[in-house]
PDB file of N, CA and C in Angstrom:
ATOM      1  N   MET A   1      94.791 -74.325  95.948  1.00  0.00           N
ATOM      2  CA  MET A   1      95.136 -75.573  95.289  1.00  0.00           C
ATOM      3  C   MET A   1      94.267 -76.697  95.858  1.00  0.00           C
ATOM      4  N   LYS A   2      93.690 -77.510  94.977  1.00  0.00           N
ATOM      5  CA  LYS A   2      92.828 -78.614  95.387  1.00  0.00           C
ATOM      6  C   LYS A   2      93.610 -79.919  95.344  1.00  0.00           C
ATOM      7  N   LEU A   3      93.236 -80.837  96.229  1.00  0.00           N
ATOM      8  CA  LEU A   3      93.874 -82.147  96.295  1.00  0.00           C
ATOM      9  C   LEU A   3      92.852 -83.204  95.918  1.00  0.00           C
ATOM     10  N   TYR A   4      93.190 -84.051  94.947  1.00  0.00           N
ATOM     11  CA  TYR A   4      92.337 -85.146  94.512  1.00  0.00           C
ATOM     12  C   TYR A   4      93.067 -86.468  94.727  1.00  0.00           C
ATOM     13  N   PHE A   5      92.296 -87.534  94.896  1.00  0.00           N
ATOM     14  CA  PHE A   5      92.854 -88.867  95.082  1.00  0.00           C
ATOM     15  C   PHE A   5      92.501 -89.714  93.870  1.00  0.00           C
ATOM     16  N   LEU A   6      93.516 -90.326  93.260  1.00  0.00           N
ATOM     17  CA  LEU A   6      93.316 -91.249  92.147  1.00  0.00           C
ATOM     18  C   LEU A   6      93.586 -92.654  92.681  1.00  0.00           C
ATOM     19  N   LEU A   7      92.526 -93.442  92.837  1.00  0.00           N
ATOM     20  CA  LEU A   7      92.633 -94.795  93.363  1.00  0.00           C
ATOM     21  C   LEU A   7      92.655 -95.761  92.190  1.00  0.00           C
ATOM     22  N   ILE A   8      93.670 -96.608  92.121  1.00  0.00           N
ATOM     23  CA  ILE A   8      93.823 -97.556  91.026  1.00  0.00           C
ATOM     24  C   ILE A   8      93.819 -98.961  91.613  1.00  0.00           C
ATOM     25  N   LEU A   9      92.847 -99.761  91.188  1.00  0.00           N
ATOM     26  CA  LEU A   9      92.736-101.141  91.646  1.00  0.00           C
ATOM     27  C   LEU A   9      93.117-102.061  90.496  1.00  0.00           C
ATOM     28  N   PHE A  10      94.124-102.875  90.725  1.00  0.00           N
ATOM     29  CA  PHE A  10      94.576-103.844  89.731  1.00  0.00           C
ATOM     30  C   PHE A  10      93.959-105.192  90.052  1.00  0.00           C
ATOM     31  N   ALA A  11      92.996-105.623  89.243  1.00  0.00           N
ATOM     32  CA  ALA A  11      92.413-106.956  89.367  1.00  0.00           C
ATOM     33  C   ALA A  11      93.209-107.888  88.459  1.00  0.00           C
ATOM     34  N   GLN A  12      92.851-109.150  88.431  1.00  0.00           N
ATOM     35  CA  GLN A  12      93.626-110.113  87.664  1.00  0.00           C
ATOM     36  C   GLN A  12      93.603-109.789  86.172  1.00  0.00           C
ATOM     37  N   ASN A  13      92.449-109.422  85.635  1.00  0.00           N
ATOM     38  CA  ASN A  13      92.338-109.147  84.207  1.00  0.00           C
ATOM     39  C   ASN A  13      91.770-107.768  83.907  1.00  0.00           C
ATOM     40  N   ASN A  14      91.794-106.861  84.856  1.00  0.00           N
ATOM     41  CA  ASN A  14      91.191-105.558  84.640  1.00  0.00           C
ATOM     42  C   ASN A  14      91.878-104.521  85.523  1.00  0.00           C
ATOM     43  N   ILE A  15      91.667-103.257  85.189  1.00  0.00           N
ATOM     44  CA  ILE A  15      92.200-102.146  85.971  1.00  0.00           C
ATOM     45  C   ILE A  15      91.067-101.148  86.160  1.00  0.00           C
ATOM     46  N   PHE A  16      90.837-100.716  87.409  1.00  0.00           N
ATOM     47  CA  PHE A  16      89.781 -99.765  87.724  1.00  0.00           C
ATOM     48  C   PHE A  16      90.402 -98.472  88.227  1.00  0.00           C
ATOM     49  N   LEU A  17      89.925 -97.335  87.715  1.00  0.00           N
ATOM     50  CA  LEU A  17      90.393 -96.016  88.130  1.00  0.00           C
ATOM     51  C   LEU A  17      89.236 -95.264  88.770  1.00  0.00           C
ATOM     52  N   THR A  18      89.476 -94.656  89.921  1.00  0.00           N
ATOM     53  CA  THR A  18      88.464 -93.855  90.590  1.00  0.00           C
ATOM     54  C   THR A  18      89.113 -92.552  91.037  1.00  0.00           C
ATOM     55  N   LEU A  19      88.549 -91.436  90.617  1.00  0.00           N
ATOM     56  CA  LEU A  19      89.036 -90.124  91.039  1.00  0.00           C
ATOM     57  C   LEU A  19      88.051 -89.560  92.049  1.00  0.00           C
ATOM     58  N   THR A  20      88.534 -89.243  93.248  1.00  0.00           N
ATOM     59  CA  THR A  20      87.678 -88.697  94.295  1.00  0.00           C
ATOM     60  C   THR A  20      88.252 -87.384  94.779  1.00  0.00           C
ATOM     61  N   ASN A  21      87.390 -86.580  95.383  1.00  0.00           N
ATOM     62  CA  ASN A  21      87.876 -85.352  95.994  1.00  0.00           C
ATOM     63  C   ASN A  21      88.281 -85.645  97.434  1.00  0.00           C
ATOM     64  N   PHE A  22      88.586 -84.607  98.179  1.00  0.00           N
ATOM     65  CA  PHE A  22      89.072 -84.763  99.545  1.00  0.00           C
ATOM     66  C   PHE A  22      88.015 -85.381 100.463  1.00  0.00           C
ATOM     67  N   LYS A  23      86.731 -85.159 100.163  1.00  0.00           N
ATOM     68  CA  LYS A  23      85.651 -85.686 100.998  1.00  0.00           C
ATOM     69  C   LYS A  23      85.310 -87.133 100.667  1.00  0.00           C
ATOM     70  N   GLY A  24      85.826 -87.661  99.556  1.00  0.00           N
ATOM     71  CA  GLY A  24      85.560 -89.031  99.164  1.00  0.00           C
ATOM     72  C   GLY A  24      84.463 -89.175  98.132  1.00  0.00           C
ATOM     73  N   GLU A  25      83.983 -88.066  97.591  1.00  0.00           N
ATOM     74  CA  GLU A  25      82.938 -88.104  96.565  1.00  0.00           C
ATOM     75  C   GLU A  25      83.561 -88.466  95.227  1.00  0.00           C
ATOM     76  N   VAL A  26      82.963 -89.439  94.535  1.00  0.00           N
ATOM     77  CA  VAL A  26      83.506 -89.922  93.264  1.00  0.00           C
ATOM     78  C   VAL A  26      83.249 -88.890  92.163  1.00  0.00           C
ATOM     79  N   ILE A  27      84.314 -88.514  91.461  1.00  0.00           N
ATOM     80  CA  ILE A  27      84.209 -87.556  90.366  1.00  0.00           C
ATOM     81  C   ILE A  27      84.243 -88.292  89.031  1.00  0.00           C
ATOM     82  N   ILE A  28      85.210 -89.188  88.866  1.00  0.00           N
ATOM     83  CA  ILE A  28      85.350 -89.962  87.632  1.00  0.00           C
ATOM     84  C   ILE A  28      85.597 -91.420  88.007  1.00  0.00           C
ATOM     85  N   TRP A  29      84.925 -92.335  87.301  1.00  0.00           N
ATOM     86  CA  TRP A  29      85.163 -93.769  87.475  1.00  0.00           C
ATOM     87  C   TRP A  29      85.339 -94.380  86.101  1.00  0.00           C
ATOM     88  N   LYS A  30      86.458 -95.063  85.892  1.00  0.00           N
ATOM     89  CA  LYS A  30      86.753 -95.694  84.600  1.00  0.00           C
ATOM     90  C   LYS A  30      87.214 -97.125  84.835  1.00  0.00           C
ATOM     91  N   SER A  31      86.947 -97.964  83.848  1.00  0.00           N
ATOM     92  CA  SER A  31      87.401 -99.347  83.874  1.00  0.00           C
ATOM     93  C   SER A  31      88.018 -99.675  82.535  1.00  0.00           C
ATOM     94  N   LEU A  32      89.094-100.417  82.560  1.00  0.00           N
ATOM     95  CA  LEU A  32      89.755-100.812  81.321  1.00  0.00           C
ATOM     96  C   LEU A  32      88.859-101.719  80.496  1.00  0.00           C
ATOM     97  N   GLY A  33      88.062-102.551  81.149  1.00  0.00           N
ATOM     98  CA  GLY A  33      87.175-103.461  80.452  1.00  0.00           C
ATOM     99  C   GLY A  33      85.989-102.771  79.806  1.00  0.00           C
ATOM    100  N   LYS A  34      85.593-101.624  80.330  1.00  0.00           N
ATOM    101  CA  LYS A  34      84.442-100.905  79.793  1.00  0.00           C
ATOM    102  C   LYS A  34      84.735-100.273  78.434  1.00  0.00           C
ATOM    103  N   VAL A  35      85.988 -99.914  78.203  1.00  0.00           N
ATOM    104  CA  VAL A  35      86.351 -99.269  76.937  1.00  0.00           C
ATOM    105  C   VAL A  35      87.031-100.237  75.976  1.00  0.00           C
ATOM    106  N   LYS A  36      87.045-101.504  76.327  1.00  0.00           N
ATOM    107  CA  LYS A  36      87.699-102.520  75.504  1.00  0.00           C
ATOM    108  C   LYS A  36      86.926-102.752  74.211  1.00  0.00           C
ATOM    109  N   ILE A  37      87.659-102.960  73.132  1.00  0.00           N
ATOM    110  CA  ILE A  37      87.056-103.311  71.850  1.00  0.00           C
ATOM    111  C   ILE A  37      86.971-104.833  71.790  1.00  0.00           C
ATOM    112  N   LYS A  38      85.839-105.334  71.340  1.00  0.00           N
ATOM    113  CA  LYS A  38      85.610-106.778  71.320  1.00  0.00           C
ATOM    114  C   LYS A  38      86.635-107.479  70.423  1.00  0.00           C
ATOM    115  N   GLY A  39      87.207-108.547  70.934  1.00  0.00           N
ATOM    116  CA  GLY A  39      88.178-109.325  70.172  1.00  0.00           C
ATOM    117  C   GLY A  39      89.617-108.966  70.465  1.00  0.00           C
ATOM    118  N   LEU A  40      89.861-107.876  71.197  1.00  0.00           N
ATOM    119  CA  LEU A  40      91.227-107.478  71.543  1.00  0.00           C
ATOM    120  C   LEU A  40      91.504-107.770  73.010  1.00  0.00           C
ATOM    121  N   LYS A  41      92.766-108.010  73.321  1.00  0.00           N
ATOM    122  CA  LYS A  41      93.149-108.213  74.709  1.00  0.00           C
ATOM    123  C   LYS A  41      93.199-106.867  75.421  1.00  0.00           C
ATOM    124  N   LYS A  42      92.847-106.873  76.722  1.00  0.00           N
ATOM    125  CA  LYS A  42      92.816-105.638  77.495  1.00  0.00           C
ATOM    126  C   LYS A  42      94.201-105.184  77.952  1.00  0.00           C
ATOM    127  N   LEU A  43      95.041-106.116  78.294  1.00  0.00           N
ATOM    128  CA  LEU A  43      96.282-105.765  78.981  1.00  0.00           C
ATOM    129  C   LEU A  43      97.489-105.712  78.047  1.00  0.00           C
ATOM    130  N   THR A  44      97.319-105.177  76.858  1.00  0.00           N
ATOM    131  CA  THR A  44      98.451-104.991  75.953  1.00  0.00           C
ATOM    132  C   THR A  44      99.019-103.594  76.155  1.00  0.00           C
ATOM    133  N   ASN A  45     100.254-103.404  75.759  1.00  0.00           N
ATOM    134  CA  ASN A  45     100.943-102.146  75.963  1.00  0.00           C
ATOM    135  C   ASN A  45     100.264-100.993  75.227  1.00  0.00           C
ATOM    136  N   SER A  46      99.886-101.207  73.979  1.00  0.00           N
ATOM    137  CA  SER A  46      99.266-100.136  73.199  1.00  0.00           C
ATOM    138  C   SER A  46      97.878 -99.787  73.738  1.00  0.00           C
ATOM    139  N   PHE A  47      97.137-100.787  74.216  1.00  0.00           N
ATOM    140  CA  PHE A  47      95.806-100.526  74.771  1.00  0.00           C
ATOM    141  C   PHE A  47      95.904 -99.734  76.069  1.00  0.00           C
ATOM    142  N   LEU A  48      96.927-100.024  76.880  1.00  0.00           N
ATOM    143  CA  LEU A  48      97.126 -99.264  78.119  1.00  0.00           C
ATOM    144  C   LEU A  48      97.433 -97.804  77.812  1.00  0.00           C
ATOM    145  N   LYS A  49      98.299 -97.558  76.822  1.00  0.00           N
ATOM    146  CA  LYS A  49      98.632 -96.180  76.439  1.00  0.00           C
ATOM    147  C   LYS A  49      97.392 -95.433  75.966  1.00  0.00           C
ATOM    148  N   ASN A  50      96.620 -96.056  75.083  1.00  0.00           N
ATOM    149  CA  ASN A  50      95.412 -95.409  74.570  1.00  0.00           C
ATOM    150  C   ASN A  50      94.419 -95.111  75.687  1.00  0.00           C
ATOM    151  N   PHE A  51      94.292 -96.042  76.631  1.00  0.00           N
ATOM    152  CA  PHE A  51      93.364 -95.851  77.754  1.00  0.00           C
ATOM    153  C   PHE A  51      93.786 -94.658  78.612  1.00  0.00           C
ATOM    154  N   ILE A  52      95.066 -94.578  78.923  1.00  0.00           N
ATOM    155  CA  ILE A  52      95.548 -93.480  79.767  1.00  0.00           C
ATOM    156  C   ILE A  52      95.403 -92.138  79.059  1.00  0.00           C
ATOM    157  N   PHE A  53      95.865 -92.052  77.829  1.00  0.00           N
ATOM    158  CA  PHE A  53      95.865 -90.768  77.140  1.00  0.00           C
ATOM    159  C   PHE A  53      94.465 -90.305  76.750  1.00  0.00           C
ATOM    160  N   SER A  54      93.574 -91.214  76.419  1.00  0.00           N
ATOM    161  CA  SER A  54      92.233 -90.789  76.015  1.00  0.00           C
ATOM    162  C   SER A  54      91.309 -90.522  77.201  1.00  0.00           C
ATOM    163  N   ASN A  55      91.403 -91.322  78.259  1.00  0.00           N
ATOM    164  CA  ASN A  55      90.456 -91.205  79.366  1.00  0.00           C
ATOM    165  C   ASN A  55      90.913 -90.294  80.493  1.00  0.00           C
ATOM    166  N   LEU A  56      92.190 -90.061  80.621  1.00  0.00           N
ATOM    167  CA  LEU A  56      92.652 -89.205  81.715  1.00  0.00           C
ATOM    168  C   LEU A  56      92.860 -87.754  81.285  1.00  0.00           C
ATOM    169  N   ASN A  57      92.471 -87.418  80.064  1.00  0.00           N
ATOM    170  CA  ASN A  57      92.511 -86.018  79.655  1.00  0.00           C
ATOM    171  C   ASN A  57      91.481 -85.199  80.418  1.00  0.00           C
ATOM    172  N   GLU A  58      90.424 -85.852  80.911  1.00  0.00           N
ATOM    173  CA  GLU A  58      89.423 -85.168  81.732  1.00  0.00           C
ATOM    174  C   GLU A  58      90.063 -84.621  83.011  1.00  0.00           C
ATOM    175  N   ILE A  59      91.014 -85.348  83.554  1.00  0.00           N
ATOM    176  CA  ILE A  59      91.687 -84.915  84.785  1.00  0.00           C
ATOM    177  C   ILE A  59      92.546 -83.685  84.526  1.00  0.00           C
ATOM    178  N   ARG A  60      93.188 -83.642  83.371  1.00  0.00           N
ATOM    179  CA  ARG A  60      94.084 -82.521  83.065  1.00  0.00           C
ATOM    180  C   ARG A  60      93.327 -81.220  82.816  1.00  0.00           C
ATOM    181  N   LEU A  61      92.006 -81.274  82.638  1.00  0.00           N
ATOM    182  CA  LEU A  61      91.222 -80.064  82.416  1.00  0.00           C
ATOM    183  C   LEU A  61      91.018 -79.270  83.705  1.00  0.00           C
ATOM    184  N   PHE A  62      91.173 -79.928  84.864  1.00  0.00           N
ATOM    185  CA  PHE A  62      91.050 -79.222  86.136  1.00  0.00           C
ATOM    186  C   PHE A  62      92.180 -78.216  86.261  1.00  0.00           C
ATOM    187  N   LYS A  63      91.931 -77.132  86.972  1.00  0.00           N
ATOM    188  CA  LYS A  63      92.941 -76.081  87.160  1.00  0.00           C
ATOM    189  C   LYS A  63      93.442 -76.098  88.603  1.00  0.00           C
ATOM    190  N   ASN A  64      94.740 -75.891  88.770  1.00  0.00           N
ATOM    191  CA  ASN A  64      95.361 -75.702  90.079  1.00  0.00           C
ATOM    192  C   ASN A  64      95.022 -76.851  91.040  1.00  0.00           C
ATOM    193  N   PHE A  65      95.535 -78.049  90.746  1.00  0.00           N
ATOM    194  CA  PHE A  65      95.245 -79.216  91.566  1.00  0.00           C
ATOM    195  C   PHE A  65      96.489 -80.103  91.653  1.00  0.00           C
ATOM    196  N   LYS A  66      96.477 -80.984  92.644  1.00  0.00           N
ATOM    197  CA  LYS A  66      97.508 -82.007  92.808  1.00  0.00           C
ATOM    198  C   LYS A  66      96.822 -83.350  93.030  1.00  0.00           C
ATOM    199  N   LEU A  67      97.490 -84.425  92.600  1.00  0.00           N
ATOM    200  CA  LEU A  67      96.944 -85.777  92.719  1.00  0.00           C
ATOM    201  C   LEU A  67      97.741 -86.601  93.714  1.00  0.00           C
ATOM    202  N   HIS A  68      97.031 -87.318  94.546  1.00  0.00           N
ATOM    203  CA  HIS A  68      97.634 -88.339  95.405  1.00  0.00           C
ATOM    204  C   HIS A  68      97.191 -89.677  94.824  1.00  0.00           C
ATOM    205  N   ILE A  69      98.120 -90.468  94.315  1.00  0.00           N
ATOM    206  CA  ILE A  69      97.802 -91.716  93.630  1.00  0.00           C
ATOM    207  C   ILE A  69      97.979 -92.881  94.592  1.00  0.00           C
ATOM    208  N   LYS A  70      96.925 -93.720  94.715  1.00  0.00           N
ATOM    209  CA  LYS A  70      96.978 -94.911  95.558  1.00  0.00           C
ATOM    210  C   LYS A  70      96.820 -96.136  94.668  1.00  0.00           C
ATOM    211  N   LEU A  71      97.762 -97.051  94.756  1.00  0.00           N
ATOM    212  CA  LEU A  71      97.711 -98.303  93.991  1.00  0.00           C
ATOM    213  C   LEU A  71      97.323 -99.433  94.920  1.00  0.00           C
ATOM    214  N   LYS A  72      96.492-100.351  94.419  1.00  0.00           N
ATOM    215  CA  LYS A  72      96.076-101.483  95.234  1.00  0.00           C
ATOM    216  C   LYS A  72      95.932-102.710  94.342  1.00  0.00           C
ATOM    217  N   GLY A  73      96.381-103.859  94.814  1.00  0.00           N
ATOM    218  CA  GLY A  73      96.259-105.098  94.063  1.00  0.00           C
ATOM    219  C   GLY A  73      97.496-105.374  93.227  1.00  0.00           C
ATOM    220  N   TYR A  74      97.433-106.463  92.487  1.00  0.00           N
ATOM    221  CA  TYR A  74      98.562-106.841  91.645  1.00  0.00           C
ATOM    222  C   TYR A  74      98.052-107.349  90.313  1.00  0.00           C
ATOM    223  N   ASN A  75      98.802-107.026  89.275  1.00  0.00           N
ATOM    224  CA  ASN A  75      98.448-107.384  87.910  1.00  0.00           C
ATOM    225  C   ASN A  75      99.755-107.553  87.152  1.00  0.00           C
ATOM    226  N   LYS A  76      99.742-108.317  86.075  1.00  0.00           N
ATOM    227  CA  LYS A  76     100.984-108.520  85.330  1.00  0.00           C
ATOM    228  C   LYS A  76     101.448-107.257  84.610  1.00  0.00           C
ATOM    229  N   THR A  77     100.573-106.274  84.430  1.00  0.00           N
ATOM    230  CA  THR A  77     100.947-105.026  83.751  1.00  0.00           C
ATOM    231  C   THR A  77     101.024-103.839  84.712  1.00  0.00           C
ATOM    232  N   LYS A  78     101.094-104.092  85.994  1.00  0.00           N
ATOM    233  CA  LYS A  78     101.087-103.009  86.985  1.00  0.00           C
ATOM    234  C   LYS A  78     102.277-102.064  86.805  1.00  0.00           C
ATOM    235  N   LYS A  79     103.438-102.618  86.568  1.00  0.00           N
ATOM    236  CA  LYS A  79     104.648-101.813  86.423  1.00  0.00           C
ATOM    237  C   LYS A  79     104.559-100.910  85.184  1.00  0.00           C
ATOM    238  N   LYS A  80     104.139-101.487  84.053  1.00  0.00           N
ATOM    239  CA  LYS A  80     103.999-100.709  82.815  1.00  0.00           C
ATOM    240  C   LYS A  80     102.974 -99.603  82.969  1.00  0.00           C
ATOM    241  N   PHE A  81     101.804 -99.955  83.535  1.00  0.00           N
ATOM    242  CA  PHE A  81     100.714 -98.999  83.681  1.00  0.00           C
ATOM    243  C   PHE A  81     101.127 -97.849  84.587  1.00  0.00           C
ATOM    244  N   THR A  82     101.794 -98.150  85.699  1.00  0.00           N
ATOM    245  CA  THR A  82     102.218 -97.110  86.634  1.00  0.00           C
ATOM    246  C   THR A  82     103.247 -96.189  85.990  1.00  0.00           C
ATOM    247  N   ARG A  83     104.169 -96.749  85.233  1.00  0.00           N
ATOM    248  CA  ARG A  83     105.174 -95.938  84.552  1.00  0.00           C
ATOM    249  C   ARG A  83     104.535 -94.990  83.531  1.00  0.00           C
ATOM    250  N   LEU A  84     103.608 -95.500  82.737  1.00  0.00           N
ATOM    251  CA  LEU A  84     102.912 -94.665  81.752  1.00  0.00           C
ATOM    252  C   LEU A  84     102.072 -93.588  82.433  1.00  0.00           C
ATOM    253  N   LEU A  85     101.416 -93.949  83.537  1.00  0.00           N
ATOM    254  CA  LEU A  85     100.586 -93.004  84.264  1.00  0.00           C
ATOM    255  C   LEU A  85     101.414 -91.862  84.841  1.00  0.00           C
ATOM    256  N   LEU A  86     102.570 -92.195  85.414  1.00  0.00           N
ATOM    257  CA  LEU A  86     103.419 -91.157  85.995  1.00  0.00           C
ATOM    258  C   LEU A  86     104.023 -90.246  84.922  1.00  0.00           C
ATOM    259  N   LEU A  87     104.315 -90.787  83.745  1.00  0.00           N
ATOM    260  CA  LEU A  87     104.789 -89.937  82.647  1.00  0.00           C
ATOM    261  C   LEU A  87     103.704 -88.974  82.194  1.00  0.00           C
ATOM    262  N   PHE A  88     102.468 -89.440  82.156  1.00  0.00           N
ATOM    263  CA  PHE A  88     101.355 -88.620  81.695  1.00  0.00           C
ATOM    264  C   PHE A  88     100.966 -87.557  82.723  1.00  0.00           C
ATOM    265  N   LEU A  89     100.987 -87.920  84.012  1.00  0.00           N
ATOM    266  CA  LEU A  89     100.562 -87.006  85.074  1.00  0.00           C
ATOM    267  C   LEU A  89     101.731 -86.516  85.920  1.00  0.00           C
ATOM    268  N   GLN A  90     102.888 -86.380  85.318  1.00  0.00           N
ATOM    269  CA  GLN A  90     104.113 -86.070  86.045  1.00  0.00           C
ATOM    270  C   GLN A  90     104.051 -84.740  86.793  1.00  0.00           C
ATOM    271  N   GLU A  91     103.534 -83.704  86.155  1.00  0.00           N
ATOM    272  CA  GLU A  91     103.568 -82.381  86.766  1.00  0.00           C
ATOM    273  C   GLU A  91     102.492 -82.164  87.830  1.00  0.00           C
ATOM    274  N   VAL A  92     101.480 -83.011  87.881  1.00  0.00           N
ATOM    275  CA  VAL A  92     100.413 -82.819  88.865  1.00  0.00           C
ATOM    276  C   VAL A  92     100.423 -83.872  89.976  1.00  0.00           C
ATOM    277  N   THR A  93     101.343 -84.832  89.931  1.00  0.00           N
ATOM    278  CA  THR A  93     101.401 -85.887  90.945  1.00  0.00           C
ATOM    279  C   THR A  93     102.042 -85.357  92.218  1.00  0.00           C
ATOM    280  N   PHE A  94     101.316 -85.482  93.320  1.00  0.00           N
ATOM    281  CA  PHE A  94     101.791 -85.031  94.618  1.00  0.00           C
ATOM    282  C   PHE A  94     102.506 -86.160  95.354  1.00  0.00           C
ATOM    283  N   SER A  95     101.906 -87.351  95.360  1.00  0.00           N
ATOM    284  CA  SER A  95     102.523 -88.508  96.008  1.00  0.00           C
ATOM    285  C   SER A  95     101.963 -89.789  95.409  1.00  0.00           C
ATOM    286  N   LEU A  96     102.646 -90.898  95.687  1.00  0.00           N
ATOM    287  CA  LEU A  96     102.264 -92.209  95.184  1.00  0.00           C
ATOM    288  C   LEU A  96     102.439 -93.224  96.304  1.00  0.00           C
ATOM    289  N   THR A  97     101.380 -93.986  96.595  1.00  0.00           N
ATOM    290  CA  THR A  97     101.483 -95.047  97.600  1.00  0.00           C
ATOM    291  C   THR A  97     100.993 -96.354  96.986  1.00  0.00           C
ATOM    292  N   ASP A  98     101.539 -97.453  97.472  1.00  0.00           N
ATOM    293  CA  ASP A  98     101.175 -98.776  96.987  1.00  0.00           C
ATOM    294  C   ASP A  98     100.726 -99.615  98.172  1.00  0.00           C
ATOM    295  N   ASP A  99      99.473-100.078  98.141  1.00  0.00           N
ATOM    296  CA  ASP A  99      98.906-100.873  99.232  1.00  0.00           C
ATOM    297  C   ASP A  99      98.848-102.346  98.876  1.00  0.00           C
ATOM    298  N   PHE A 100      99.919-102.851  98.269  1.00  0.00           N
ATOM    299  CA  PHE A 100      99.966-104.261  97.906  1.00  0.00           C
ATOM    300  C   PHE A 100     100.216-105.074  99.163  1.00  0.00           C
ATOM    301  N   LYS A 101      99.281-105.944  99.475  1.00  0.00           N
ATOM    302  CA  LYS A 101      99.398-106.742 100.695  1.00  0.00           C
ATOM    303  C   LYS A 101      99.802-108.162 100.343  1.00  0.00           C
ATOM    304  N   GLU A 102     100.956-108.550 100.829  1.00  0.00           N
ATOM    305  CA  GLU A 102     101.428-109.919 100.648  1.00  0.00           C
ATOM    306  C   GLU A 102     101.168-110.694 101.921  1.00  0.00           C
ATOM    307  N   PRO A 103     100.778-111.948 101.822  1.00  0.00           N
ATOM    308  CA  PRO A 103     100.571-112.725 103.039  1.00  0.00           C
ATOM    309  C   PRO A 103     101.890-112.937 103.784  1.00  0.00           C
ATOM    310  N   MET A 104     101.854-112.781 105.091  1.00  0.00           N
ATOM    311  CA  MET A 104     103.063-112.903 105.906  1.00  0.00           C
ATOM    312  C   MET A 104     103.066-114.184 106.731  1.00  0.00           C
ATOM    313  N   ASN A 105     102.194-115.133 106.385  1.00  0.00           N
ATOM    314  CA  ASN A 105     102.072-116.319 107.209  1.00  0.00           C
ATOM    315  C   ASN A 105     102.987-117.455 106.761  1.00  0.00           C
ATOM    316  N   GLY A 106     103.831-117.243 105.774  1.00  0.00           N
ATOM    317  CA  GLY A 106     104.769-118.267 105.352  1.00  0.00           C
ATOM    318  C   GLY A 106     104.129-119.336 104.482  1.00  0.00           C
ATOM    319  N   CYS A 107     104.833-120.420 104.319  1.00  0.00           N
ATOM    320  CA  CYS A 107     104.355-121.505 103.467  1.00  0.00           C
ATOM    321  C   CYS A 107     103.464-122.450 104.263  1.00  0.00           C
ATOM    322  N   LYS A 108     102.515-123.012 103.572  1.00  0.00           N
ATOM    323  CA  LYS A 108     101.632-123.992 104.187  1.00  0.00           C
ATOM    324  C   LYS A 108     102.341-125.335 104.216  1.00  0.00           C
ATOM    325  N   PRO A 109     102.322-126.047 105.349  1.00  0.00           N
ATOM    326  CA  PRO A 109     102.994-127.351 105.403  1.00  0.00           C
ATOM    327  C   PRO A 109     102.271-128.367 104.509  1.00  0.00           C
ATOM    328  N   LYS A 110     103.024-129.295 103.939  1.00  0.00           N
ATOM    329  CA  LYS A 110     102.447-130.323 103.073  1.00  0.00           C
ATOM    330  C   LYS A 110     101.596-131.264 103.893  1.00  0.00           C
ATOM    331  N   LYS A 111     100.523-131.742 103.249  1.00  0.00           N
ATOM    332  CA  LYS A 111      99.664-132.709 103.924  1.00  0.00           C
ATOM    333  C   LYS A 111     100.391-134.049 104.018  1.00  0.00           C
ATOM    334  N   LYS A 112     100.110-134.778 105.102  1.00  0.00           N
ATOM    335  CA  LYS A 112     100.723-136.091 105.264  1.00  0.00           C
ATOM    336  C   LYS A 112     100.055-137.060 104.315  1.00  0.00           C
ATOM    337  N   ARG A 113     100.848-137.884 103.685  1.00  0.00           N
ATOM    338  CA  ARG A 113     100.344-138.839 102.721  1.00  0.00           C
ATOM    339  C   ARG A 113      99.782-140.055 103.462  1.00  0.00           C
ATOM    340  N   ARG A 114      98.580-140.432 103.073  1.00  0.00           N
ATOM    341  CA  ARG A 114      97.940-141.591 103.716  1.00  0.00           C
ATOM    342  C   ARG A 114      98.004-142.785 102.772  1.00  0.00           C
ATOM    343  N   LEU A 115      98.338-143.926 103.314  1.00  0.00           N
ATOM    344  CA  LEU A 115      98.419-145.149 102.500  1.00  0.00           C
ATOM    345  C   LEU A 115      97.271-146.081 102.776  1.00  0.00           C
TER     346      LEU A 115
END
């Protein structure tokens, strides 16, 4: 059984997918913006479904493998995309991790007003 890593980076207006093997060699690289049709929004529900089902069929062609999915970043459609992805790759998903880093330094104090 082979282990592959699916790295998903959520940018503000785009989503990047990278499939690597255990050594870190890139096998597949996809971007939501690269397959976008001109004039349509990228982050709609139907566009996310079409992107997952059409572009990740290449992954399902592999035999006897498991996926470790790593999520990074934040996007307004992160929850929807992750749910659709897990439904599509349910039987081959080995684990899922989320590397969302929130700042832990608290709130910035207000500047003093000068008169």
